[in-house]
């Protein structure tokens, strides 16, 4: 990442958030499975942090909604609509809000699949779509 690009990102987020922001350069040099699993894990962590902020009355949707829109569209470009829909289901609907139980994914053929981890999700994606 070039230094100017880093500074531009810092300025943009500082304007949005109203405070100084540090950037951390992360590069992932891994295989397709590990990249998929890493990305899903990172997205899960982001959602957890958003939820934690919501619980204390801080709503950051104005910041995160455009980012989620970009992420979803990048996923569509890379994996297609079906995989993207599955990833979004995994992130938003897999865990029952009330019971915290993992819900089964019901495929188009009415078969039920349980995904307890991003690795499980990857195995299904690889088997069914790639």
C-alpha atoms as a PDB file:
ATOM      1  CA  UNK A   1       0.000   0.000   0.000  1.00  0.00           C
ATOM      2  CA  UNK A   2       1.474   3.331  -0.970  1.00  0.00           C
ATOM      3  CA  UNK A   3       1.965   5.954   1.720  1.00  0.00           C
ATOM      4  CA  UNK A   4      -0.327   8.473  -0.072  1.00  0.00           C
ATOM      5  CA  UNK A   5      -3.117   5.916  -0.274  1.00  0.00           C
ATOM      6  CA  UNK A   6      -2.722   5.220   3.428  1.00  0.00           C
ATOM      7  CA  UNK A   7      -2.924   8.925   4.226  1.00  0.00           C
ATOM      8  CA  UNK A   8      -6.048   9.332   2.064  1.00  0.00           C
ATOM      9  CA  UNK A   9      -7.775   6.497   3.929  1.00  0.00           C
ATOM     10  CA  UNK A  10      -6.788   8.000   7.277  1.00  0.00           C
ATOM     11  CA  UNK A  11      -8.150  11.423   6.260  1.00  0.00           C
ATOM     12  CA  UNK A  12     -11.418   9.961   4.961  1.00  0.00           C
ATOM     13  CA  UNK A  13     -12.140   7.947   8.090  1.00  0.00           C
ATOM     14  CA  UNK A  14     -10.999  10.767  10.346  1.00  0.00           C
ATOM     15  CA  UNK A  15     -13.554  13.038   8.675  1.00  0.00           C
ATOM     16  CA  UNK A  16     -16.301  10.423   8.984  1.00  0.00           C
ATOM     17  CA  UNK A  17     -15.527   9.419  12.562  1.00  0.00           C
ATOM     18  CA  UNK A  18     -14.269  12.757  13.822  1.00  0.00           C
ATOM     19  CA  UNK A  19     -11.126  11.291  15.367  1.00  0.00           C
ATOM     20  CA  UNK A  20      -7.631  10.180  14.392  1.00  0.00           C
ATOM     21  CA  UNK A  21      -7.545   6.806  12.657  1.00  0.00           C
ATOM     22  CA  UNK A  22      -4.578   4.513  12.198  1.00  0.00           C
ATOM     23  CA  UNK A  23      -4.330   2.111   9.270  1.00  0.00           C
ATOM     24  CA  UNK A  24      -2.781  -1.305   9.433  1.00  0.00           C
ATOM     25  CA  UNK A  25      -1.564  -3.008   6.308  1.00  0.00           C
ATOM     26  CA  UNK A  26      -2.606  -6.638   6.134  1.00  0.00           C
ATOM     27  CA  UNK A  27      -1.725  -8.845   3.246  1.00  0.00           C
ATOM     28  CA  UNK A  28      -2.937 -12.354   2.991  1.00  0.00           C
ATOM     29  CA  UNK A  29      -0.784 -14.648   0.874  1.00  0.00           C
ATOM     30  CA  UNK A  30      -2.705 -17.884   1.171  1.00  0.00           C
ATOM     31  CA  UNK A  31      -4.653 -20.394  -0.887  1.00  0.00           C
ATOM     32  CA  UNK A  32      -8.254 -20.181  -2.035  1.00  0.00           C
ATOM     33  CA  UNK A  33      -9.726 -22.108   0.908  1.00  0.00           C
ATOM     34  CA  UNK A  34      -7.713 -20.252   3.526  1.00  0.00           C
ATOM     35  CA  UNK A  35      -8.594 -16.901   1.958  1.00  0.00           C
ATOM     36  CA  UNK A  36     -12.308 -17.750   1.950  1.00  0.00           C
ATOM     37  CA  UNK A  37     -12.196 -18.929   5.573  1.00  0.00           C
ATOM     38  CA  UNK A  38     -10.146 -15.890   6.641  1.00  0.00           C
ATOM     39  CA  UNK A  39     -12.582 -13.469   4.978  1.00  0.00           C
ATOM     40  CA  UNK A  40     -15.669 -15.115   6.500  1.00  0.00           C
ATOM     41  CA  UNK A  41     -14.002 -15.108   9.936  1.00  0.00           C
ATOM     42  CA  UNK A  42     -13.148 -11.414   9.580  1.00  0.00           C
ATOM     43  CA  UNK A  43     -16.698 -10.592   8.508  1.00  0.00           C
ATOM     44  CA  UNK A  44     -18.087 -12.527  11.482  1.00  0.00           C
ATOM     45  CA  UNK A  45     -15.847 -10.520  13.811  1.00  0.00           C
ATOM     46  CA  UNK A  46     -16.994  -7.245  12.231  1.00  0.00           C
ATOM     47  CA  UNK A  47     -20.633  -8.179  12.742  1.00  0.00           C
ATOM     48  CA  UNK A  48     -19.971  -9.106  16.373  1.00  0.00           C
ATOM     49  CA  UNK A  49     -18.337  -5.729  16.975  1.00  0.00           C
ATOM     50  CA  UNK A  50     -21.218  -3.921  15.281  1.00  0.00           C
ATOM     51  CA  UNK A  51     -23.664  -5.823  17.499  1.00  0.00           C
ATOM     52  CA  UNK A  52     -21.652  -4.959  20.622  1.00  0.00           C
ATOM     53  CA  UNK A  53     -21.778  -1.282  19.715  1.00  0.00           C
ATOM     54  CA  UNK A  54     -25.531  -1.524  19.074  1.00  0.00           C
ATOM     55  CA  UNK A  55     -26.010  -3.038  22.551  1.00  0.00           C
ATOM     56  CA  UNK A  56     -24.500   0.072  24.150  1.00  0.00           C
ATOM     57  CA  UNK A  57     -26.539   2.407  21.960  1.00  0.00           C
ATOM     58  CA  UNK A  58     -23.981   3.222  19.279  1.00  0.00           C
ATOM     59  CA  UNK A  59     -25.269   2.860  15.738  1.00  0.00           C
ATOM     60  CA  UNK A  60     -22.612   2.893  13.011  1.00  0.00           C
ATOM     61  CA  UNK A  61     -24.857   1.818  10.115  1.00  0.00           C
ATOM     62  CA  UNK A  62     -24.125   5.053   8.269  1.00  0.00           C
ATOM     63  CA  UNK A  63     -20.498   3.892   8.085  1.00  0.00           C
ATOM     64  CA  UNK A  64     -20.875   0.139   7.782  1.00  0.00           C
ATOM     65  CA  UNK A  65     -23.826  -0.168   5.392  1.00  0.00           C
ATOM     66  CA  UNK A  66     -21.860   1.172   2.390  1.00  0.00           C
ATOM     67  CA  UNK A  67     -18.940  -1.091   3.306  1.00  0.00           C
ATOM     68  CA  UNK A  68     -21.180  -4.164   3.516  1.00  0.00           C
ATOM     69  CA  UNK A  69     -22.665  -3.211   0.139  1.00  0.00           C
ATOM     70  CA  UNK A  70     -19.177  -3.125  -1.395  1.00  0.00           C
ATOM     71  CA  UNK A  71     -18.188  -6.402   0.275  1.00  0.00           C
ATOM     72  CA  UNK A  72     -21.312  -8.134  -0.983  1.00  0.00           C
ATOM     73  CA  UNK A  73     -20.745  -6.903  -4.527  1.00  0.00           C
ATOM     74  CA  UNK A  74     -17.097  -7.978  -4.494  1.00  0.00           C
ATOM     75  CA  UNK A  75     -18.231 -11.391  -3.333  1.00  0.00           C
ATOM     76  CA  UNK A  76     -20.725 -11.542  -6.222  1.00  0.00           C
ATOM     77  CA  UNK A  77     -17.979 -10.606  -8.680  1.00  0.00           C
ATOM     78  CA  UNK A  78     -15.621 -13.241  -7.287  1.00  0.00           C
ATOM     79  CA  UNK A  79     -17.961 -16.142  -6.408  1.00  0.00           C
ATOM     80  CA  UNK A  80     -21.304 -15.383  -8.047  1.00  0.00           C
ATOM     81  CA  UNK A  81     -24.761 -14.734  -6.627  1.00  0.00           C
ATOM     82  CA  UNK A  82     -25.460 -18.188  -5.170  1.00  0.00           C
ATOM     83  CA  UNK A  83     -22.275 -18.335  -3.110  1.00  0.00           C
ATOM     84  CA  UNK A  84     -22.733 -14.722  -2.028  1.00  0.00           C
ATOM     85  CA  UNK A  85     -26.294 -15.435  -0.910  1.00  0.00           C
ATOM     86  CA  UNK A  86     -25.023 -18.433   1.052  1.00  0.00           C
ATOM     87  CA  UNK A  87     -22.265 -16.392   2.719  1.00  0.00           C
ATOM     88  CA  UNK A  88     -24.761 -13.671   3.652  1.00  0.00           C
ATOM     89  CA  UNK A  89     -27.121 -16.324   5.046  1.00  0.00           C
ATOM     90  CA  UNK A  90     -24.209 -17.758   7.051  1.00  0.00           C
ATOM     91  CA  UNK A  91     -23.353 -14.340   8.478  1.00  0.00           C
ATOM     92  CA  UNK A  92     -26.856 -13.017   9.162  1.00  0.00           C
ATOM     93  CA  UNK A  93     -29.280 -15.936   9.539  1.00  0.00           C
ATOM     94  CA  UNK A  94     -27.346 -19.065  10.544  1.00  0.00           C
ATOM     95  CA  UNK A  95     -27.587 -18.370  14.262  1.00  0.00           C
ATOM     96  CA  UNK A  96     -31.081 -18.010  15.709  1.00  0.00           C
ATOM     97  CA  UNK A  97     -31.329 -14.608  17.397  1.00  0.00           C
ATOM     98  CA  UNK A  98     -33.455 -15.853  20.286  1.00  0.00           C
ATOM     99  CA  UNK A  99     -31.935 -19.262  21.045  1.00  0.00           C
ATOM    100  CA  UNK A 100     -28.398 -18.729  19.692  1.00  0.00           C
ATOM    101  CA  UNK A 101     -28.703 -22.164  18.069  1.00  0.00           C
ATOM    102  CA  UNK A 102     -27.110 -22.898  14.708  1.00  0.00           C
ATOM    103  CA  UNK A 103     -29.821 -23.282  12.085  1.00  0.00           C
ATOM    104  CA  UNK A 104     -29.681 -25.714   9.181  1.00  0.00           C
ATOM    105  CA  UNK A 105     -29.220 -24.355   5.680  1.00  0.00           C
ATOM    106  CA  UNK A 106     -31.918 -25.717   3.387  1.00  0.00           C
ATOM    107  CA  UNK A 107     -30.581 -26.103  -0.130  1.00  0.00           C
ATOM    108  CA  UNK A 108     -32.648 -25.884  -3.330  1.00  0.00           C
ATOM    109  CA  UNK A 109     -33.035 -29.682  -3.287  1.00  0.00           C
ATOM    110  CA  UNK A 110     -34.532 -29.418   0.256  1.00  0.00           C
ATOM    111  CA  UNK A 111     -31.497 -31.115   1.836  1.00  0.00           C
ATOM    112  CA  UNK A 112     -30.373 -29.642   5.140  1.00  0.00           C
ATOM    113  CA  UNK A 113     -26.763 -28.724   5.858  1.00  0.00           C
ATOM    114  CA  UNK A 114     -25.219 -27.623   9.146  1.00  0.00           C
ATOM    115  CA  UNK A 115     -22.313 -25.197   9.040  1.00  0.00           C
ATOM    116  CA  UNK A 116     -20.633 -24.771  12.394  1.00  0.00           C
ATOM    117  CA  UNK A 117     -17.579 -22.988  11.000  1.00  0.00           C
ATOM    118  CA  UNK A 118     -16.320 -21.146   7.938  1.00  0.00           C
ATOM    119  CA  UNK A 119     -14.423 -24.341   7.066  1.00  0.00           C
ATOM    120  CA  UNK A 120     -17.731 -26.227   6.877  1.00  0.00           C
ATOM    121  CA  UNK A 121     -19.141 -23.479   4.689  1.00  0.00           C
ATOM    122  CA  UNK A 122     -16.093 -23.660   2.388  1.00  0.00           C
ATOM    123  CA  UNK A 123     -16.433 -27.444   2.040  1.00  0.00           C
ATOM    124  CA  UNK A 124     -20.028 -27.021   0.879  1.00  0.00           C
ATOM    125  CA  UNK A 125     -19.181 -24.110  -1.457  1.00  0.00           C
ATOM    126  CA  UNK A 126     -16.330 -26.098  -2.989  1.00  0.00           C
ATOM    127  CA  UNK A 127     -18.512 -29.206  -3.381  1.00  0.00           C
ATOM    128  CA  UNK A 128     -21.611 -27.468  -4.719  1.00  0.00           C
ATOM    129  CA  UNK A 129     -20.465 -24.381  -6.635  1.00  0.00           C
ATOM    130  CA  UNK A 130     -16.783 -24.418  -7.550  1.00  0.00           C
END
